[in-house]
Amino acid sequence: MDKLGVMLFLLKEYNEFGTIHPKSAKEISIEVELAPSETYLTLETLQQDGLIWRVGRKNLYRYGIKEESLAHLNKLFSA
């Protein structure tokens, strides 16, 4: 699993646009260059760790960074 790569991608999006736009697992897998199944498992692990959230219905989920963890993670990204 590439937790770091996924989190860096999501933080990069936040730093470029100044807001959090939820991404689908497919969009993330293309950008991070991981297999979709591995990306999905990574996102599930990050969600269980409490770093990201998931919204959607049925199989149409989108993922984003939780606001509570954003300040701490952004400091690490900027360093």
PDB file of N, CA and C in Angstrom:
ATOM      1  N   MET A   1       0.830  -1.185   0.000  1.00  0.00           N
ATOM      2  CA  MET A   1       0.000   0.000   0.000  1.00  0.00           C
ATOM      3  C   MET A   1       0.871   1.243   0.000  1.00  0.00           C
ATOM      4  N   ASP A   2       0.400   2.244  -0.664  1.00  0.00           N
ATOM      5  CA  ASP A   2       1.147   3.489  -0.774  1.00  0.00           C
ATOM      6  C   ASP A   2       0.381   4.612  -0.075  1.00  0.00           C
ATOM      7  N   LYS A   3       0.306   4.524   1.255  1.00  0.00           N
ATOM      8  CA  LYS A   3      -0.416   5.536   2.027  1.00  0.00           C
ATOM      9  C   LYS A   3       0.170   6.923   1.817  1.00  0.00           C
ATOM     10  N   LEU A   4       1.486   6.997   1.826  1.00  0.00           N
ATOM     11  CA  LEU A   4       2.152   8.286   1.697  1.00  0.00           C
ATOM     12  C   LEU A   4       1.845   8.940   0.353  1.00  0.00           C
ATOM     13  N   GLY A   5       1.902   8.171  -0.712  1.00  0.00           N
ATOM     14  CA  GLY A   5       1.621   8.716  -2.036  1.00  0.00           C
ATOM     15  C   GLY A   5       0.212   9.251  -2.170  1.00  0.00           C
ATOM     16  N   VAL A   6      -0.753   8.526  -1.619  1.00  0.00           N
ATOM     17  CA  VAL A   6      -2.147   8.958  -1.679  1.00  0.00           C
ATOM     18  C   VAL A   6      -2.344  10.227  -0.864  1.00  0.00           C
ATOM     19  N   MET A   7      -1.787  10.261   0.352  1.00  0.00           N
ATOM     20  CA  MET A   7      -1.941  11.449   1.188  1.00  0.00           C
ATOM     21  C   MET A   7      -1.246  12.661   0.569  1.00  0.00           C
ATOM     22  N   LEU A   8      -0.071  12.460  -0.012  1.00  0.00           N
ATOM     23  CA  LEU A   8       0.627  13.577  -0.662  1.00  0.00           C
ATOM     24  C   LEU A   8      -0.178  14.110  -1.837  1.00  0.00           C
ATOM     25  N   PHE A   9      -0.814  13.236  -2.591  1.00  0.00           N
ATOM     26  CA  PHE A   9      -1.642  13.684  -3.706  1.00  0.00           C
ATOM     27  C   PHE A   9      -2.802  14.531  -3.205  1.00  0.00           C
ATOM     28  N   LEU A  10      -3.492  14.061  -2.163  1.00  0.00           N
ATOM     29  CA  LEU A  10      -4.622  14.814  -1.628  1.00  0.00           C
ATOM     30  C   LEU A  10      -4.185  16.155  -1.041  1.00  0.00           C
ATOM     31  N   LEU A  11      -3.036  16.182  -0.368  1.00  0.00           N
ATOM     32  CA  LEU A  11      -2.518  17.440   0.186  1.00  0.00           C
ATOM     33  C   LEU A  11      -2.070  18.391  -0.914  1.00  0.00           C
ATOM     34  N   LYS A  12      -1.502  17.846  -1.966  1.00  0.00           N
ATOM     35  CA  LYS A  12      -1.080  18.678  -3.095  1.00  0.00           C
ATOM     36  C   LYS A  12      -2.287  19.374  -3.716  1.00  0.00           C
ATOM     37  N   GLU A  13      -3.377  18.645  -3.863  1.00  0.00           N
ATOM     38  CA  GLU A  13      -4.613  19.235  -4.382  1.00  0.00           C
ATOM     39  C   GLU A  13      -5.093  20.371  -3.477  1.00  0.00           C
ATOM     40  N   TYR A  14      -5.030  20.164  -2.172  1.00  0.00           N
ATOM     41  CA  TYR A  14      -5.464  21.201  -1.235  1.00  0.00           C
ATOM     42  C   TYR A  14      -4.574  22.435  -1.337  1.00  0.00           C
ATOM     43  N   ASN A  15      -3.263  22.239  -1.415  1.00  0.00           N
ATOM     44  CA  ASN A  15      -2.342  23.369  -1.477  1.00  0.00           C
ATOM     45  C   ASN A  15      -2.448  24.129  -2.784  1.00  0.00           C
ATOM     46  N   GLU A  16      -2.801  23.456  -3.867  1.00  0.00           N
ATOM     47  CA  GLU A  16      -2.951  24.148  -5.155  1.00  0.00           C
ATOM     48  C   GLU A  16      -4.228  24.963  -5.224  1.00  0.00           C
ATOM     49  N   PHE A  17      -5.332  24.400  -4.724  1.00  0.00           N
ATOM     50  CA  PHE A  17      -6.630  25.033  -4.902  1.00  0.00           C
ATOM     51  C   PHE A  17      -7.180  25.672  -3.634  1.00  0.00           C
ATOM     52  N   GLY A  18      -6.581  25.394  -2.483  1.00  0.00           N
ATOM     53  CA  GLY A  18      -7.025  25.984  -1.237  1.00  0.00           C
ATOM     54  C   GLY A  18      -8.325  25.422  -0.701  1.00  0.00           C
ATOM     55  N   THR A  19      -8.777  24.339  -1.260  1.00  0.00           N
ATOM     56  CA  THR A  19     -10.004  23.698  -0.810  1.00  0.00           C
ATOM     57  C   THR A  19      -9.890  22.201  -1.047  1.00  0.00           C
ATOM     58  N   ILE A  20     -10.787  21.464  -0.441  1.00  0.00           N
ATOM     59  CA  ILE A  20     -10.759  20.012  -0.578  1.00  0.00           C
ATOM     60  C   ILE A  20     -11.867  19.586  -1.523  1.00  0.00           C
ATOM     61  N   HIS A  21     -11.499  19.042  -2.664  1.00  0.00           N
ATOM     62  CA  HIS A  21     -12.453  18.481  -3.602  1.00  0.00           C
ATOM     63  C   HIS A  21     -12.353  16.970  -3.509  1.00  0.00           C
ATOM     64  N   PRO A  22     -13.419  16.305  -3.085  1.00  0.00           N
ATOM     65  CA  PRO A  22     -13.351  14.844  -2.970  1.00  0.00           C
ATOM     66  C   PRO A  22     -13.072  14.191  -4.317  1.00  0.00           C
ATOM     67  N   LYS A  23     -12.242  13.183  -4.305  1.00  0.00           N
ATOM     68  CA  LYS A  23     -11.841  12.475  -5.513  1.00  0.00           C
ATOM     69  C   LYS A  23     -12.328  11.039  -5.454  1.00  0.00           C
ATOM     70  N   SER A  24     -12.589  10.468  -6.604  1.00  0.00           N
ATOM     71  CA  SER A  24     -12.948   9.052  -6.648  1.00  0.00           C
ATOM     72  C   SER A  24     -11.678   8.219  -6.555  1.00  0.00           C
ATOM     73  N   ALA A  25     -11.837   6.964  -6.198  1.00  0.00           N
ATOM     74  CA  ALA A  25     -10.686   6.066  -6.091  1.00  0.00           C
ATOM     75  C   ALA A  25     -10.010   5.914  -7.455  1.00  0.00           C
ATOM     76  N   LYS A  26     -10.783   5.944  -8.522  1.00  0.00           N
ATOM     77  CA  LYS A  26     -10.214   5.816  -9.868  1.00  0.00           C
ATOM     78  C   LYS A  26      -9.354   7.027 -10.216  1.00  0.00           C
ATOM     79  N   GLU A  27      -9.830   8.230  -9.897  1.00  0.00           N
ATOM     80  CA  GLU A  27      -9.046   9.443 -10.140  1.00  0.00           C
ATOM     81  C   GLU A  27      -7.735   9.409  -9.370  1.00  0.00           C
ATOM     82  N   ILE A  28      -7.809   8.975  -8.121  1.00  0.00           N
ATOM     83  CA  ILE A  28      -6.614   8.906  -7.291  1.00  0.00           C
ATOM     84  C   ILE A  28      -5.648   7.858  -7.827  1.00  0.00           C
ATOM     85  N   SER A  29      -6.175   6.707  -8.246  1.00  0.00           N
ATOM     86  CA  SER A  29      -5.293   5.637  -8.740  1.00  0.00           C
ATOM     87  C   SER A  29      -4.556   6.059 -10.002  1.00  0.00           C
ATOM     88  N   ILE A  30      -5.195   6.836 -10.852  1.00  0.00           N
ATOM     89  CA  ILE A  30      -4.536   7.318 -12.076  1.00  0.00           C
ATOM     90  C   ILE A  30      -3.414   8.287 -11.725  1.00  0.00           C
ATOM     91  N   GLU A  31      -3.688   9.216 -10.820  1.00  0.00           N
ATOM     92  CA  GLU A  31      -2.689  10.221 -10.445  1.00  0.00           C
ATOM     93  C   GLU A  31      -1.508   9.630  -9.680  1.00  0.00           C
ATOM     94  N   VAL A  32      -1.782   8.648  -8.817  1.00  0.00           N
ATOM     95  CA  VAL A  32      -0.737   8.063  -7.979  1.00  0.00           C
ATOM     96  C   VAL A  32      -0.055   6.894  -8.687  1.00  0.00           C
ATOM     97  N   GLU A  33      -0.632   6.457  -9.789  1.00  0.00           N
ATOM     98  CA  GLU A  33      -0.117   5.347 -10.597  1.00  0.00           C
ATOM     99  C   GLU A  33      -0.095   4.037  -9.807  1.00  0.00           C
ATOM    100  N   LEU A  34      -1.240   3.730  -9.185  1.00  0.00           N
ATOM    101  CA  LEU A  34      -1.441   2.467  -8.489  1.00  0.00           C
ATOM    102  C   LEU A  34      -2.594   1.734  -9.159  1.00  0.00           C
ATOM    103  N   ALA A  35      -2.645   0.447  -8.953  1.00  0.00           N
ATOM    104  CA  ALA A  35      -3.785  -0.329  -9.432  1.00  0.00           C
ATOM    105  C   ALA A  35      -5.030   0.117  -8.658  1.00  0.00           C
ATOM    106  N   PRO A  36      -6.185   0.143  -9.315  1.00  0.00           N
ATOM    107  CA  PRO A  36      -7.400   0.584  -8.621  1.00  0.00           C
ATOM    108  C   PRO A  36      -7.709  -0.218  -7.358  1.00  0.00           C
ATOM    109  N   SER A  37      -7.468  -1.522  -7.385  1.00  0.00           N
ATOM    110  CA  SER A  37      -7.746  -2.334  -6.194  1.00  0.00           C
ATOM    111  C   SER A  37      -6.817  -1.967  -5.048  1.00  0.00           C
ATOM    112  N   GLU A  38      -5.555  -1.715  -5.345  1.00  0.00           N
ATOM    113  CA  GLU A  38      -4.600  -1.320  -4.301  1.00  0.00           C
ATOM    114  C   GLU A  38      -4.936   0.074  -3.766  1.00  0.00           C
ATOM    115  N   THR A  39      -5.357   0.963  -4.642  1.00  0.00           N
ATOM    116  CA  THR A  39      -5.760   2.300  -4.213  1.00  0.00           C
ATOM    117  C   THR A  39      -6.966   2.227  -3.296  1.00  0.00           C
ATOM    118  N   TYR A  40      -7.940   1.401  -3.659  1.00  0.00           N
ATOM    119  CA  TYR A  40      -9.133   1.257  -2.829  1.00  0.00           C
ATOM    120  C   TYR A  40      -8.766   0.729  -1.444  1.00  0.00           C
ATOM    121  N   LEU A  41      -7.900  -0.275  -1.380  1.00  0.00           N
ATOM    122  CA  LEU A  41      -7.480  -0.820  -0.082  1.00  0.00           C
ATOM    123  C   LEU A  41      -6.725   0.224   0.741  1.00  0.00           C
ATOM    124  N   THR A  42      -5.890   1.010   0.081  1.00  0.00           N
ATOM    125  CA  THR A  42      -5.166   2.078   0.766  1.00  0.00           C
ATOM    126  C   THR A  42      -6.132   3.118   1.330  1.00  0.00           C
ATOM    127  N   LEU A  43      -7.128   3.504   0.538  1.00  0.00           N
ATOM    128  CA  LEU A  43      -8.115   4.477   0.989  1.00  0.00           C
ATOM    129  C   LEU A  43      -8.928   3.931   2.166  1.00  0.00           C
ATOM    130  N   GLU A  44      -9.269   2.663   2.121  1.00  0.00           N
ATOM    131  CA  GLU A  44      -9.995   2.049   3.241  1.00  0.00           C
ATOM    132  C   GLU A  44      -9.154   2.086   4.518  1.00  0.00           C
ATOM    133  N   THR A  45      -7.861   1.809   4.393  1.00  0.00           N
ATOM    134  CA  THR A  45      -6.968   1.837   5.546  1.00  0.00           C
ATOM    135  C   THR A  45      -6.855   3.255   6.111  1.00  0.00           C
ATOM    136  N   LEU A  46      -6.714   4.240   5.229  1.00  0.00           N
ATOM    137  CA  LEU A  46      -6.623   5.633   5.680  1.00  0.00           C
ATOM    138  C   LEU A  46      -7.919   6.081   6.340  1.00  0.00           C
ATOM    139  N   GLN A  47      -9.039   5.573   5.852  1.00  0.00           N
ATOM    140  CA  GLN A  47     -10.319   5.915   6.461  1.00  0.00           C
ATOM    141  C   GLN A  47     -10.423   5.302   7.851  1.00  0.00           C
ATOM    142  N   GLN A  48      -9.964   4.080   8.017  1.00  0.00           N
ATOM    143  CA  GLN A  48      -9.982   3.439   9.333  1.00  0.00           C
ATOM    144  C   GLN A  48      -9.045   4.153  10.305  1.00  0.00           C
ATOM    145  N   ASP A  49      -7.948   4.708   9.786  1.00  0.00           N
ATOM    146  CA  ASP A  49      -7.017   5.464  10.621  1.00  0.00           C
ATOM    147  C   ASP A  49      -7.568   6.833  11.009  1.00  0.00           C
ATOM    148  N   GLY A  50      -8.648   7.264  10.369  1.00  0.00           N
ATOM    149  CA  GLY A  50      -9.280   8.531  10.698  1.00  0.00           C
ATOM    150  C   GLY A  50      -8.690   9.735   9.988  1.00  0.00           C
ATOM    151  N   LEU A  51      -7.910   9.514   8.929  1.00  0.00           N
ATOM    152  CA  LEU A  51      -7.288  10.634   8.219  1.00  0.00           C
ATOM    153  C   LEU A  51      -8.145  11.162   7.071  1.00  0.00           C
ATOM    154  N   ILE A  52      -8.954  10.307   6.467  1.00  0.00           N
ATOM    155  CA  ILE A  52      -9.788  10.745   5.355  1.00  0.00           C
ATOM    156  C   ILE A  52     -11.230  10.339   5.626  1.00  0.00           C
ATOM    157  N   TRP A  53     -12.145  10.914   4.857  1.00  0.00           N
ATOM    158  CA  TRP A  53     -13.553  10.575   4.952  1.00  0.00           C
ATOM    159  C   TRP A  53     -14.036  10.079   3.601  1.00  0.00           C
ATOM    160  N   ARG A  54     -15.162   9.411   3.629  1.00  0.00           N
ATOM    161  CA  ARG A  54     -15.750   8.872   2.409  1.00  0.00           C
ATOM    162  C   ARG A  54     -17.211   9.289   2.372  1.00  0.00           C
ATOM    163  N   VAL A  55     -17.664   9.723   1.206  1.00  0.00           N
ATOM    164  CA  VAL A  55     -19.057  10.107   1.040  1.00  0.00           C
ATOM    165  C   VAL A  55     -19.559   9.477  -0.252  1.00  0.00           C
ATOM    166  N   GLY A  56     -20.797   9.121  -0.274  1.00  0.00           N
ATOM    167  CA  GLY A  56     -21.380   8.555  -1.485  1.00  0.00           C
ATOM    168  C   GLY A  56     -22.441   7.531  -1.168  1.00  0.00           C
ATOM    169  N   ARG A  57     -22.927   6.907  -2.219  1.00  0.00           N
ATOM    170  CA  ARG A  57     -23.930   5.862  -2.044  1.00  0.00           C
ATOM    171  C   ARG A  57     -23.628   4.716  -2.998  1.00  0.00           C
ATOM    172  N   LYS A  58     -24.072   3.551  -2.625  1.00  0.00           N
ATOM    173  CA  LYS A  58     -23.799   2.319  -3.371  1.00  0.00           C
ATOM    174  C   LYS A  58     -22.309   2.196  -3.606  1.00  0.00           C
ATOM    175  N   ASN A  59     -21.856   2.148  -4.841  1.00  0.00           N
ATOM    176  CA  ASN A  59     -20.427   2.015  -5.138  1.00  0.00           C
ATOM    177  C   ASN A  59     -19.810   3.310  -5.665  1.00  0.00           C
ATOM    178  N   LEU A  60     -20.514   4.412  -5.550  1.00  0.00           N
ATOM    179  CA  LEU A  60     -20.035   5.696  -6.061  1.00  0.00           C
ATOM    180  C   LEU A  60     -19.495   6.540  -4.911  1.00  0.00           C
ATOM    181  N   TYR A  61     -18.329   6.186  -4.427  1.00  0.00           N
ATOM    182  CA  TYR A  61     -17.735   6.879  -3.284  1.00  0.00           C
ATOM    183  C   TYR A  61     -16.693   7.891  -3.744  1.00  0.00           C
ATOM    184  N   ARG A  62     -16.563   8.952  -2.960  1.00  0.00           N
ATOM    185  CA  ARG A  62     -15.525   9.947  -3.170  1.00  0.00           C
ATOM    186  C   ARG A  62     -14.815  10.145  -1.834  1.00  0.00           C
ATOM    187  N   TYR A  63     -13.523  10.438  -1.908  1.00  0.00           N
ATOM    188  CA  TYR A  63     -12.687  10.509  -0.712  1.00  0.00           C
ATOM    189  C   TYR A  63     -12.049  11.883  -0.589  1.00  0.00           C
ATOM    190  N   GLY A  64     -11.860  12.339   0.637  1.00  0.00           N
ATOM    191  CA  GLY A  64     -11.178  13.596   0.903  1.00  0.00           C
ATOM    192  C   GLY A  64     -10.539  13.568   2.285  1.00  0.00           C
ATOM    193  N   ILE A  65      -9.692  14.518   2.542  1.00  0.00           N
ATOM    194  CA  ILE A  65      -9.004  14.610   3.832  1.00  0.00           C
ATOM    195  C   ILE A  65      -9.958  15.217   4.853  1.00  0.00           C
ATOM    196  N   LYS A  66      -9.950  14.673   6.074  1.00  0.00           N
ATOM    197  CA  LYS A  66     -10.770  15.233   7.140  1.00  0.00           C
ATOM    198  C   LYS A  66     -10.224  16.596   7.544  1.00  0.00           C
ATOM    199  N   GLU A  67     -11.123  17.518   7.807  1.00  0.00           N
ATOM    200  CA  GLU A  67     -10.729  18.875   8.196  1.00  0.00           C
ATOM    201  C   GLU A  67      -9.891  18.882   9.468  1.00  0.00           C
ATOM    202  N   GLU A  68     -10.201  17.974  10.412  1.00  0.00           N
ATOM    203  CA  GLU A  68      -9.484  17.949  11.688  1.00  0.00           C
ATOM    204  C   GLU A  68      -8.009  17.605  11.501  1.00  0.00           C
ATOM    205  N   SER A  69      -7.706  16.717  10.560  1.00  0.00           N
ATOM    206  CA  SER A  69      -6.324  16.283  10.358  1.00  0.00           C
ATOM    207  C   SER A  69      -5.589  17.142   9.339  1.00  0.00           C
ATOM    208  N   LEU A  70      -6.304  18.017   8.668  1.00  0.00           N
ATOM    209  CA  LEU A  70      -5.705  18.803   7.596  1.00  0.00           C
ATOM    210  C   LEU A  70      -4.613  19.742   8.076  1.00  0.00           C
ATOM    211  N   ALA A  71      -4.813  20.427   9.174  1.00  0.00           N
ATOM    212  CA  ALA A  71      -3.818  21.387   9.666  1.00  0.00           C
ATOM    213  C   ALA A  71      -2.502  20.691  10.001  1.00  0.00           C
ATOM    214  N   HIS A  72      -2.566  19.562  10.668  1.00  0.00           N
ATOM    215  CA  HIS A  72      -1.347  18.842  11.037  1.00  0.00           C
ATOM    216  C   HIS A  72      -0.639  18.273   9.812  1.00  0.00           C
ATOM    217  N   LEU A  73      -1.417  17.708   8.901  1.00  0.00           N
ATOM    218  CA  LEU A  73      -0.826  17.124   7.700  1.00  0.00           C
ATOM    219  C   LEU A  73      -0.233  18.184   6.780  1.00  0.00           C
ATOM    220  N   ASN A  74      -0.877  19.345   6.712  1.00  0.00           N
ATOM    221  CA  ASN A  74      -0.380  20.414   5.851  1.00  0.00           C
ATOM    222  C   ASN A  74       0.969  20.932   6.359  1.00  0.00           C
ATOM    223  N   LYS A  75       1.160  20.961   7.671  1.00  0.00           N
ATOM    224  CA  LYS A  75       2.457  21.371   8.221  1.00  0.00           C
ATOM    225  C   LYS A  75       3.553  20.394   7.797  1.00  0.00           C
ATOM    226  N   LEU A  76       3.240  19.111   7.820  1.00  0.00           N
ATOM    227  CA  LEU A  76       4.217  18.099   7.394  1.00  0.00           C
ATOM    228  C   LEU A  76       4.519  18.230   5.899  1.00  0.00           C
ATOM    229  N   PHE A  77       3.472  18.509   5.095  1.00  0.00           N
ATOM    230  CA  PHE A  77       3.655  18.629   3.656  1.00  0.00           C
ATOM    231  C   PHE A  77       4.504  19.838   3.320  1.00  0.00           C
ATOM    232  N   SER A  78       4.306  20.940   4.039  1.00  0.00           N
ATOM    233  CA  SER A  78       5.021  22.179   3.748  1.00  0.00           C
ATOM    234  C   SER A  78       6.490  22.117   4.179  1.00  0.00           C
ATOM    235  N   ALA A  79       6.809  21.272   5.140  1.00  0.00           N
ATOM    236  CA  ALA A  79       8.196  21.195   5.661  1.00  0.00           C
ATOM    237  C   ALA A  79       9.143  20.564   4.677  1.00  0.00           C
TER     238      ALA A  79
END
